[in-house]
C-alpha cells in the first residue's frame, strides 16, 4: 500500500518509528519530513501529504504534530482529504469505519510512540462500513 507521511518538529521521532514499522510490513512510504527538532511550519509538510492523497499517489496519509489539530485542520482544507484527529485506537477504528477517513492526525505530545503506531495499524487495517455512513460522508464536501 502507498502511504504518505508528514510532521512538524514535535512529531519527527514518531514519524521515523512509524515509517520503519510500515516499511517492515512492505508498505511504500513517501516521507515528506520534517526530520529534526528544529522549529518548522507544519503546513509545509502537510500540504504535500494531502496532495498525494488527492492525486492518488497515496491511499492514506499520516500527519503528526504536537496536538494533532494544526495538521488535521490544514489537511482538511483539501477537498478530497478526510483527516481524523485520533488519540485512541477506538477513535482510529471509528474514523475509518464511520467516516472513511483517509488521513490520521496524531497528537505527539499526548500519546506514546507505541500508541501512535498501534493507532496507525488499526487505521490501516479497518475498512469503511459504507451503508448509512456513506450517505453522511457524501454530504461532507462544500
N, C-alpha and C. Protein backbone atom coordinates (compact mmCIF):
# COMPACT_ATOMS: atom_id res chain seq x y z
N UNK A 1 0.84 -1.18 0.00
CA UNK A 1 0.00 0.00 0.00
C UNK A 1 0.89 1.24 0.00
N UNK A 2 0.45 2.28 -0.68
CA UNK A 2 1.18 3.54 -0.73
C UNK A 2 0.63 4.48 0.34
N UNK A 3 1.54 4.98 1.17
CA UNK A 3 1.18 5.84 2.29
C UNK A 3 2.10 7.05 2.28
N UNK A 4 1.52 8.22 2.55
CA UNK A 4 2.28 9.46 2.61
C UNK A 4 2.29 9.95 4.06
N UNK A 5 3.42 10.47 4.51
CA UNK A 5 3.53 10.90 5.90
C UNK A 5 4.26 12.23 6.00
N UNK A 6 3.83 13.05 6.94
CA UNK A 6 4.48 14.33 7.19
C UNK A 6 4.24 14.77 8.62
N UNK A 7 5.15 15.59 9.13
CA UNK A 7 5.03 16.03 10.52
C UNK A 7 5.79 17.33 10.73
N UNK A 8 5.61 17.90 11.91
CA UNK A 8 6.43 19.04 12.29
C UNK A 8 7.49 18.55 13.28
N UNK A 9 8.18 19.49 13.89
CA UNK A 9 9.27 19.18 14.81
C UNK A 9 8.81 18.36 16.03
N UNK A 10 7.57 18.48 16.44
CA UNK A 10 7.08 17.72 17.60
C UNK A 10 6.85 16.25 17.26
N UNK A 11 6.77 15.94 15.98
CA UNK A 11 6.42 14.58 15.61
C UNK A 11 7.45 13.78 14.85
N UNK A 12 8.65 14.34 14.63
CA UNK A 12 9.60 13.65 13.75
C UNK A 12 10.05 12.30 14.31
N UNK A 13 10.20 12.16 15.63
CA UNK A 13 10.59 10.86 16.19
C UNK A 13 9.47 9.84 16.00
N UNK A 14 8.23 10.27 16.15
CA UNK A 14 7.08 9.39 15.93
C UNK A 14 7.04 8.96 14.46
N UNK A 15 7.26 9.94 13.58
CA UNK A 15 7.25 9.67 12.15
C UNK A 15 8.28 8.62 11.80
N UNK A 16 9.49 8.79 12.30
CA UNK A 16 10.56 7.85 11.99
C UNK A 16 10.19 6.43 12.45
N UNK A 17 9.61 6.29 13.64
CA UNK A 17 9.19 4.97 14.13
C UNK A 17 8.10 4.38 13.25
N UNK A 18 7.13 5.20 12.86
CA UNK A 18 6.01 4.72 12.04
C UNK A 18 6.49 4.32 10.65
N UNK A 19 7.39 5.10 10.08
CA UNK A 19 7.92 4.77 8.75
C UNK A 19 8.63 3.41 8.80
N UNK A 20 9.47 3.19 9.79
CA UNK A 20 10.16 1.91 9.93
C UNK A 20 9.17 0.77 10.06
N UNK A 21 8.14 0.96 10.88
CA UNK A 21 7.10 -0.06 11.08
C UNK A 21 6.40 -0.38 9.75
N UNK A 22 6.00 0.63 9.03
CA UNK A 22 5.27 0.43 7.77
C UNK A 22 6.14 -0.22 6.70
N UNK A 23 7.38 0.21 6.61
CA UNK A 23 8.28 -0.38 5.61
C UNK A 23 8.58 -1.84 5.94
N UNK A 24 8.65 -2.15 7.22
CA UNK A 24 8.85 -3.55 7.64
C UNK A 24 7.69 -4.42 7.17
N UNK A 25 6.50 -3.85 7.12
CA UNK A 25 5.31 -4.57 6.66
C UNK A 25 5.21 -4.62 5.13
N UNK A 26 6.11 -3.92 4.46
CA UNK A 26 6.13 -3.93 3.00
C UNK A 26 5.39 -2.79 2.32
N UNK A 27 4.95 -1.81 3.08
CA UNK A 27 4.27 -0.65 2.51
C UNK A 27 5.28 0.30 1.88
N UNK A 28 4.86 1.02 0.85
CA UNK A 28 5.69 2.05 0.23
C UNK A 28 5.31 3.38 0.89
N UNK A 29 6.28 4.00 1.53
CA UNK A 29 6.02 5.22 2.29
C UNK A 29 6.75 6.40 1.66
N UNK A 30 6.01 7.46 1.39
CA UNK A 30 6.60 8.72 0.95
C UNK A 30 6.71 9.61 2.18
N UNK A 31 7.92 9.95 2.56
CA UNK A 31 8.19 10.73 3.76
C UNK A 31 8.47 12.18 3.36
N UNK A 32 7.54 13.07 3.72
CA UNK A 32 7.69 14.49 3.40
C UNK A 32 8.35 15.29 4.51
N UNK A 33 8.87 14.59 5.55
CA UNK A 33 9.58 15.28 6.63
C UNK A 33 8.60 15.85 7.65
N UNK A 34 9.12 16.57 8.55
CA UNK A 34 10.46 17.07 8.79
C UNK A 34 11.29 15.99 9.46
N UNK A 35 12.59 16.26 9.58
CA UNK A 35 13.47 15.21 10.07
C UNK A 35 14.33 15.62 11.26
N UNK A 36 13.89 16.60 12.01
CA UNK A 36 14.66 17.02 13.16
C UNK A 36 13.86 17.91 14.09
N UNK A 37 14.47 18.29 15.21
CA UNK A 37 13.76 19.05 16.25
C UNK A 37 13.68 20.56 16.01
N UNK A 38 14.29 21.05 14.93
CA UNK A 38 14.24 22.49 14.66
C UNK A 38 12.81 22.91 14.33
N UNK A 39 12.37 24.02 14.87
CA UNK A 39 11.01 24.51 14.66
C UNK A 39 10.73 24.74 13.17
N UNK A 40 9.60 24.20 12.71
CA UNK A 40 9.16 24.34 11.32
C UNK A 40 7.68 24.68 11.29
N UNK A 41 7.18 25.04 10.13
CA UNK A 41 5.77 25.33 9.94
C UNK A 41 5.09 24.09 9.38
N UNK A 42 4.20 23.49 10.18
CA UNK A 42 3.58 22.21 9.78
C UNK A 42 2.87 22.23 8.43
N UNK A 43 2.25 23.34 7.98
CA UNK A 43 1.59 23.28 6.67
C UNK A 43 2.54 22.90 5.53
N UNK A 44 3.82 23.26 5.68
CA UNK A 44 4.80 22.94 4.64
C UNK A 44 4.97 21.43 4.46
N UNK A 45 4.63 20.66 5.47
CA UNK A 45 4.79 19.20 5.43
C UNK A 45 3.45 18.48 5.27
N UNK A 46 2.38 19.20 5.54
CA UNK A 46 1.03 18.61 5.43
C UNK A 46 0.50 18.71 4.00
N UNK A 47 0.65 19.86 3.37
CA UNK A 47 0.12 20.01 2.01
C UNK A 47 0.64 18.95 1.05
N UNK A 48 1.93 18.59 1.07
CA UNK A 48 2.38 17.52 0.16
C UNK A 48 1.70 16.17 0.44
N UNK A 49 1.42 15.87 1.70
CA UNK A 49 0.71 14.63 2.03
C UNK A 49 -0.70 14.68 1.47
N UNK A 50 -1.38 15.79 1.70
CA UNK A 50 -2.75 15.95 1.19
C UNK A 50 -2.78 15.88 -0.33
N UNK A 51 -1.79 16.47 -0.98
CA UNK A 51 -1.72 16.41 -2.44
C UNK A 51 -1.48 14.99 -2.93
N UNK A 52 -0.71 14.21 -2.18
CA UNK A 52 -0.52 12.79 -2.53
C UNK A 52 -1.84 12.03 -2.48
N UNK A 53 -2.66 12.33 -1.48
CA UNK A 53 -3.97 11.67 -1.36
C UNK A 53 -4.87 12.11 -2.52
N UNK A 54 -4.92 13.41 -2.77
CA UNK A 54 -5.79 13.92 -3.83
C UNK A 54 -5.42 13.38 -5.21
N UNK A 55 -4.13 13.22 -5.46
CA UNK A 55 -3.67 12.74 -6.76
C UNK A 55 -3.59 11.22 -6.83
N UNK A 56 -3.96 10.57 -5.75
CA UNK A 56 -3.93 9.10 -5.63
C UNK A 56 -2.52 8.52 -5.70
N UNK A 57 -1.53 9.33 -5.40
CA UNK A 57 -0.17 8.81 -5.24
C UNK A 57 -0.07 8.02 -3.95
N UNK A 58 -0.99 8.29 -3.02
CA UNK A 58 -1.05 7.58 -1.75
C UNK A 58 -2.51 7.27 -1.43
N UNK A 59 -2.73 6.11 -0.86
CA UNK A 59 -4.08 5.75 -0.44
C UNK A 59 -4.43 6.43 0.89
N UNK A 60 -3.43 6.52 1.77
CA UNK A 60 -3.64 7.10 3.09
C UNK A 60 -2.52 8.07 3.44
N UNK A 61 -2.85 8.99 4.35
CA UNK A 61 -1.87 9.93 4.88
C UNK A 61 -1.77 9.80 6.38
N UNK A 62 -0.58 10.08 6.89
CA UNK A 62 -0.33 10.10 8.33
C UNK A 62 0.29 11.45 8.63
N UNK A 63 -0.31 12.16 9.59
CA UNK A 63 0.10 13.52 9.93
C UNK A 63 0.35 13.61 11.42
N UNK A 64 1.44 14.26 11.81
CA UNK A 64 1.79 14.31 13.23
C UNK A 64 2.27 15.71 13.59
N UNK A 65 1.70 16.24 14.67
CA UNK A 65 2.21 17.48 15.28
C UNK A 65 1.95 17.38 16.77
N UNK A 66 2.25 18.43 17.50
CA UNK A 66 2.10 18.38 18.95
C UNK A 66 0.70 18.03 19.42
N UNK A 67 -0.30 18.74 18.93
CA UNK A 67 -1.68 18.50 19.34
C UNK A 67 -2.47 17.68 18.32
N UNK A 68 -1.97 17.59 17.11
CA UNK A 68 -2.70 16.93 16.03
C UNK A 68 -3.70 17.85 15.36
N UNK A 69 -4.01 18.95 15.99
CA UNK A 69 -5.03 19.87 15.45
C UNK A 69 -4.55 20.62 14.21
N UNK A 70 -3.38 21.20 14.27
CA UNK A 70 -2.90 22.00 13.15
C UNK A 70 -2.77 21.20 11.88
N UNK A 71 -2.21 20.00 11.98
CA UNK A 71 -2.05 19.17 10.78
C UNK A 71 -3.40 18.72 10.25
N UNK A 72 -4.32 18.43 11.14
CA UNK A 72 -5.65 18.00 10.73
C UNK A 72 -6.40 19.13 10.02
N UNK A 73 -6.38 20.31 10.61
CA UNK A 73 -7.07 21.46 10.01
C UNK A 73 -6.49 21.80 8.65
N UNK A 74 -5.18 21.74 8.53
CA UNK A 74 -4.53 22.04 7.25
C UNK A 74 -4.92 21.02 6.19
N UNK A 75 -4.83 19.75 6.52
CA UNK A 75 -5.15 18.70 5.55
C UNK A 75 -6.61 18.77 5.11
N UNK A 76 -7.49 19.10 6.04
CA UNK A 76 -8.91 19.13 5.71
C UNK A 76 -9.32 20.31 4.83
N UNK A 77 -8.40 21.20 4.54
CA UNK A 77 -8.67 22.26 3.56
C UNK A 77 -8.72 21.68 2.14
N UNK A 78 -8.15 20.52 1.97
CA UNK A 78 -8.14 19.84 0.66
C UNK A 78 -9.44 19.06 0.51
N UNK A 79 -10.14 19.27 -0.59
CA UNK A 79 -11.48 18.70 -0.79
C UNK A 79 -11.53 17.18 -0.69
N UNK A 80 -10.52 16.48 -1.11
CA UNK A 80 -10.56 15.02 -1.13
C UNK A 80 -9.94 14.38 0.10
N UNK A 81 -9.59 15.19 1.09
CA UNK A 81 -8.96 14.66 2.30
C UNK A 81 -9.96 14.69 3.45
N UNK A 82 -10.00 13.59 4.18
CA UNK A 82 -10.78 13.48 5.40
C UNK A 82 -9.82 13.03 6.51
N UNK A 83 -9.18 14.03 7.14
CA UNK A 83 -8.20 13.76 8.19
C UNK A 83 -8.90 13.71 9.54
N UNK A 84 -8.63 12.66 10.28
CA UNK A 84 -9.26 12.46 11.60
C UNK A 84 -8.21 12.56 12.69
N UNK A 85 -8.47 13.42 13.66
CA UNK A 85 -7.61 13.54 14.83
C UNK A 85 -7.91 12.37 15.76
N UNK A 86 -6.92 11.55 16.03
CA UNK A 86 -7.12 10.33 16.82
C UNK A 86 -6.18 10.30 18.02
N UNK A 87 -6.70 9.86 19.16
CA UNK A 87 -5.87 9.73 20.35
C UNK A 87 -6.09 8.39 21.04
N UNK A 88 -6.95 7.52 20.47
CA UNK A 88 -7.10 6.14 20.95
C UNK A 88 -7.26 5.24 19.73
N UNK A 89 -7.03 3.96 19.92
CA UNK A 89 -7.22 3.02 18.81
C UNK A 89 -8.70 2.92 18.43
N UNK A 90 -9.58 3.07 19.40
CA UNK A 90 -11.01 3.02 19.10
C UNK A 90 -11.42 4.17 18.18
N UNK A 91 -10.92 5.36 18.45
CA UNK A 91 -11.24 6.51 17.60
C UNK A 91 -10.65 6.31 16.21
N UNK A 92 -9.44 5.77 16.12
CA UNK A 92 -8.83 5.49 14.82
C UNK A 92 -9.69 4.50 14.03
N UNK A 93 -10.20 3.49 14.70
CA UNK A 93 -11.05 2.49 14.04
C UNK A 93 -12.36 3.12 13.57
N UNK A 94 -12.99 3.91 14.42
CA UNK A 94 -14.25 4.55 14.05
C UNK A 94 -14.07 5.58 12.94
N UNK A 95 -12.92 6.25 12.92
CA UNK A 95 -12.65 7.22 11.85
C UNK A 95 -12.68 6.54 10.48
N UNK A 96 -12.19 5.32 10.43
CA UNK A 96 -12.22 4.56 9.17
C UNK A 96 -13.61 3.96 8.94
N UNK A 97 -14.16 3.29 9.94
CA UNK A 97 -15.45 2.59 9.78
C UNK A 97 -16.58 3.54 9.43
N UNK A 98 -16.70 4.63 10.13
CA UNK A 98 -17.87 5.50 10.01
C UNK A 98 -17.63 6.75 9.15
N UNK A 99 -16.38 7.22 9.09
CA UNK A 99 -16.11 8.49 8.40
C UNK A 99 -15.28 8.33 7.13
N UNK A 100 -14.84 7.12 6.84
CA UNK A 100 -14.00 6.84 5.68
C UNK A 100 -12.81 7.80 5.63
N UNK A 101 -12.22 8.06 6.80
CA UNK A 101 -11.05 8.94 6.88
C UNK A 101 -9.94 8.36 6.02
N UNK A 102 -9.22 9.24 5.32
CA UNK A 102 -8.09 8.78 4.52
C UNK A 102 -6.77 9.36 5.02
N UNK A 103 -6.83 10.04 6.16
CA UNK A 103 -5.62 10.53 6.83
C UNK A 103 -5.86 10.48 8.33
N UNK A 104 -4.84 10.09 9.05
CA UNK A 104 -4.90 10.08 10.50
C UNK A 104 -3.98 11.18 11.03
N UNK A 105 -4.47 11.95 11.97
CA UNK A 105 -3.69 13.01 12.62
C UNK A 105 -3.39 12.56 14.04
N UNK A 106 -2.13 12.62 14.39
CA UNK A 106 -1.68 12.10 15.68
C UNK A 106 -1.10 13.23 16.53
N UNK A 107 -1.56 13.36 17.80
CA UNK A 107 -1.04 14.38 18.71
C UNK A 107 0.17 13.85 19.50
N UNK A 108 1.36 14.13 19.01
CA UNK A 108 2.58 13.56 19.59
C UNK A 108 2.79 13.92 21.06
N UNK A 109 2.30 15.05 21.48
CA UNK A 109 2.51 15.45 22.87
C UNK A 109 1.54 14.78 23.83
N UNK A 110 0.59 14.02 23.31
CA UNK A 110 -0.45 13.45 24.17
C UNK A 110 -0.62 11.94 24.06
N UNK A 111 0.13 11.30 23.16
CA UNK A 111 0.08 9.84 23.06
C UNK A 111 1.51 9.31 23.01
N UNK A 112 1.69 8.08 23.42
CA UNK A 112 3.01 7.45 23.37
C UNK A 112 3.33 7.03 21.93
N UNK A 113 4.60 6.78 21.68
CA UNK A 113 5.00 6.29 20.36
C UNK A 113 4.35 4.94 20.07
N UNK A 114 4.26 4.11 21.08
CA UNK A 114 3.64 2.80 20.92
C UNK A 114 2.16 2.93 20.55
N UNK A 115 1.45 3.81 21.25
CA UNK A 115 0.04 4.03 20.94
C UNK A 115 -0.11 4.62 19.54
N UNK A 116 0.76 5.53 19.17
CA UNK A 116 0.69 6.13 17.82
C UNK A 116 0.82 5.05 16.76
N UNK A 117 1.77 4.15 16.92
CA UNK A 117 1.96 3.06 15.96
C UNK A 117 0.76 2.12 15.95
N UNK A 118 0.21 1.82 17.11
CA UNK A 118 -0.99 0.97 17.18
C UNK A 118 -2.19 1.63 16.51
N UNK A 119 -2.32 2.94 16.67
CA UNK A 119 -3.43 3.64 16.01
C UNK A 119 -3.27 3.56 14.49
N UNK A 120 -2.05 3.73 14.00
CA UNK A 120 -1.81 3.62 12.56
C UNK A 120 -2.15 2.22 12.09
N UNK A 121 -1.74 1.21 12.83
CA UNK A 121 -2.03 -0.18 12.48
C UNK A 121 -3.54 -0.41 12.34
N UNK A 122 -4.29 0.00 13.35
CA UNK A 122 -5.75 -0.17 13.34
C UNK A 122 -6.37 0.64 12.21
N UNK A 123 -5.93 1.87 12.04
CA UNK A 123 -6.45 2.75 11.00
C UNK A 123 -6.31 2.10 9.63
N UNK A 124 -5.13 1.57 9.33
CA UNK A 124 -4.87 0.98 8.02
C UNK A 124 -5.59 -0.35 7.81
N UNK A 125 -5.83 -1.08 8.88
CA UNK A 125 -6.48 -2.40 8.78
C UNK A 125 -8.00 -2.32 8.71
N UNK A 126 -8.57 -1.19 9.09
CA UNK A 126 -10.02 -1.07 9.21
C UNK A 126 -10.64 -0.62 7.89
N UNK A 127 -11.71 -1.29 7.51
CA UNK A 127 -12.44 -0.95 6.28
C UNK A 127 -13.60 0.00 6.60
N UNK A 128 -13.95 0.81 5.63
CA UNK A 128 -15.13 1.67 5.72
C UNK A 128 -16.37 0.80 5.63
N UNK A 129 -17.33 1.01 6.53
CA UNK A 129 -18.55 0.21 6.56
C UNK A 129 -19.54 0.56 5.46
N UNK A 130 -19.49 1.78 4.96
CA UNK A 130 -20.46 2.19 3.94
C UNK A 130 -21.85 2.31 4.54
N UNK A 131 -22.86 1.88 3.79
CA UNK A 131 -24.24 1.94 4.27
C UNK A 131 -24.65 3.35 4.65
N UNK A 132 -25.27 3.48 5.81
CA UNK A 132 -25.76 4.80 6.26
C UNK A 132 -24.61 5.79 6.41
N UNK A 133 -23.41 5.29 6.67
CA UNK A 133 -22.25 6.17 6.82
C UNK A 133 -21.84 6.79 5.48
N UNK A 134 -22.02 6.05 4.40
CA UNK A 134 -21.66 6.56 3.08
C UNK A 134 -22.48 7.80 2.75
N UNK A 135 -23.76 7.77 3.08
CA UNK A 135 -24.64 8.91 2.82
C UNK A 135 -24.10 10.15 3.55
N UNK A 136 -23.68 9.96 4.76
CA UNK A 136 -23.17 11.09 5.56
C UNK A 136 -21.83 11.59 5.03
N UNK A 137 -20.94 10.68 4.68
CA UNK A 137 -19.65 11.07 4.14
C UNK A 137 -19.84 11.86 2.85
N UNK A 138 -20.79 11.44 2.04
CA UNK A 138 -21.06 12.14 0.78
C UNK A 138 -21.55 13.56 0.98
N UNK A 139 -22.04 13.90 2.14
CA UNK A 139 -22.51 15.24 2.44
C UNK A 139 -21.44 16.17 3.02
N UNK A 140 -20.22 15.66 3.20
CA UNK A 140 -19.16 16.45 3.83
C UNK A 140 -18.63 17.57 2.97
N UNK A 141 -18.52 17.37 1.69
CA UNK A 141 -17.92 18.38 0.81
C UNK A 141 -18.75 19.65 0.76
N UNK A 142 -18.07 20.77 0.62
CA UNK A 142 -18.75 22.06 0.46
C UNK A 142 -19.09 22.30 -0.99
